[in-house]
Amino acid sequence: MFSLLLLSGMLASTFLQSTCHRMCLNYESPTFMDETFDLCRDFQKFGCCTKQKDKELHKKFTAFVDFLPQENKTECSDVVRDLMCQECSEYSAHQYDLEKSGTITSLPGLCWEYCQNIFEQCRDALQLLTSDENLLEHLRMGDNNRFCREVALEDRYYCYPLEDEYAEGNLDFYELPNEKPCTQLCVEEVANKLYSPISIKHGKDNTHRLFIAEQMGVVWVYLTNMSRIFPPFLNKTSDVACKKNGYDERGFLDIEFHPEHASNGLFYIYYSTLINSENFIRISEMKVSAFDINQADPDSERVILEVCQPFENHNGGQLLFGSDGYLYIFVGDGGHAGDPRGFAQNRTSLLGKILRIDVNTNTTFQDRPYAIPSDNPFISDSNVAPEIYAYGLRNPWRCSIDSKDRIICGDVGQNAIEEVDIIVKGGNYGWNAFEADACYDEKTCKDQVMIESHIPPIYSYNTSIGKSITGGYVYEGCRNPGLKDKYILGDFMSGRMIILKENKLGKWRPRNVCMSKKICRQQGKAHKYPRHIQTFGEDESGEIYFAATMNPKPGHRGGRVYRLSHAYKTKNADDCKSTGTSPVLLWQGSSLQEYQPTPDREVETRLVGAGQGRIATKGRVEIRPRGKKWSTICGNNWNLNNAHVICRMSGFLKAREFSFAEFGVGRGMVRFEHLNCKGDEEHIDECEHSGWKAASCSHEDDASVWCESFIFTEEPQAND
């Protein structure tokens, strides 16, 4: 068992590297700050506390310390501080189990070994931190097992201070050799250096262009040769509500093109915005420029629908046109946890619903610029919003329509189960009475009407697979006949992919996806991708794409887009060619940015310190060869040119400043030495350096950097 002192020293290097869902106790996203805290200094740059909150905690902490026994006062005061400061953690809503119960537990959820350790050494200190009579009784009786069971989290990914099981070095999510059967897939990178790519659509106009939207509100046009057109198709950054350098579920969430886009130039967008400081989701109609199909007309926006979003999370974010010509809108339950206001089952509210409206008819509904389809399921019920097509959804994240005209949705679960649903007209998918097919709310899930109306998912999975579903597509392309008619989905948290195949009885059976380095390289393809799967997409030929990033921060430039491929070469794959593709002409003033593949390097870098162990704009520079330990760059040759390269590798534009020893003592028994870059390199391997050496430089030489985030108004750099 670890000693208490060793555990305290490990906190910053274990739990703080986790990349799970970030949410504060007020259900808002954590923010970057520039404060000086008295107590919770680990969170003074990034977290959920204000300076005033830190002062309040510090006052309580000072009072508590006076009651600690003298013999272990130093060690136990550290425990008290660490536990109190978890209110400032960017994971506090999860640590205090707020997502499940809607109320805050008296202590943050603790990991078993850590709990046993502090119970043994600091039982008196723990009594100061809780007023829960059950916990106090266990403390008085010395019953460490009952106490630790009480404070344990069912969700093991958020207990304090457990390291994320899915973090690099712990699990190769794309290789699952012990899980059989599995379908071998490979990936082909088609785009990179994107800021949180969150939507991939085609224009339905036979040009085979891909439109890739970034979360901050920029939409790019990509051609079939993987080059992209500058300037971008659309820039809505000034209207989109989204924390650029935080972790935010809001943003520009989807783009969808009208079925007759080729002739009418119409498309639709779904994004978060602020109206009088309140959060809203907005669905708008826009047109392409009359002069250039690769440019939207910025003055053409016509707001179709706005829905007040009481909290920042669970925004939904999908638009689809059905074969009926109607626009389907997929809206989340409004946020918080457990849908406390019951929006998903309240059929007067548009939250937690799938809506269907007619944007093609001039007739308006209640002064709104759309009509209600005459066969909408609740149109004759005056007690139900007539836009509703289906209800009882929590947070539908990525839905698609297959060749059989079925709407298939991934619906993100609360904290235990993720689900895939086939949406039918008038369907009730159970939230918040049910989470997937399990009872969530004891009061409502036993209601007979609810039981009879609830439509269970076609597939669900628990946290052993992942924690946040990203719905996908049924494969209907030509290049990979082995995937024909199979539904491919992913998980945002774990990076796992799963294939569902429908059998003759209409049951959907799962298969794991695995990626063999050897097999994929034989096909000239890749076997790995960044961990966070943000969205799936489809081109006009039915090929499936997905976007992934290692850092799902809207202002991080590490997003990539991949095309999925079966790992084995098939006979007719080479016969798949796009026929009759309409030409794409560049208008005067536009230019092509050629695709430059991400180098397949064996060296990674990250910034540690200001972002609590995560990549932030500031931090101490750490480096490692793949599969080995992280090391600190020794700054005896550290300069601005070196810093530029490190920032580019970390997903940023360039370096603003460089410094030494600014973000704490470096880790590791080895150092990376004598780095000498010209400043224009894309990767550290292109620079001169002495590689890894035994520790030979002091903390004062630890290299630190402040990187420059993306600013859209800048002109593109050469070969960018």
Foldseek 3Di string as FASTA:
>chain_A
DDALVVVLVCQLVFQLQADDQFAAPVRAAKDADDDCAPQLRLPRGIFADDNVVSVVLVVLLVVLLVPFDPVCSVSLSSVLSVFSCCNRHRRNCVQQPCQAPVDGHQTGQADLVSQLNCLVPPLVSVCSRGPDPVLVVCSVVSPSVVNNVVRHDPQNQPHPRHGHCLDALRDAQQADPPDPDAFAWFWFFLFALAQQFFEWEAALQLQQWIWTAFFLAFIWIAHPLSWTKPPAQTGPNVFADARQFTFFQFGWHYKAHQNVCNPFQKIKTWGWGADPNFIKIWIWIWGCDPVASRHTDPPGTDTQDIATQRHRDQAAGDWDQFPVRKIKDAGALRGRHQSVVPSQVQQQHPHQFIFTWAQPDCDDDPPGNTHQPPVQPCCPPPRGDRRGFETAAHRWAAWDAAPVRWIWTWGAFSFWKTAIATDHGHAHQQPPCDGQPHGRDPVPVPDPVSVVRHDHGLDMDTPVFHHTKHFEYQFDADLAVVSHRWGWIAYQNNQWIWIWHQDPVRHTDIHGYHYDQVLQVVVVGHSHDARGWNHKYATPRRWIKTKHAVRSRSQFRGIIMITMHRSDGDDCNVVDDSPPRDHHDDDPPMDIQRDDDDDPAQKAKAFDASSSNHHGLKHFIWMDGRSDDIAFAFQPVPDQLVQQQNQLRRRARGFDDKAALPGHAIDDQKYWYDWAGPNPDNHSVVTDTDGIDGDDHGRRRGIITGGHTDDSVDDDDHSD
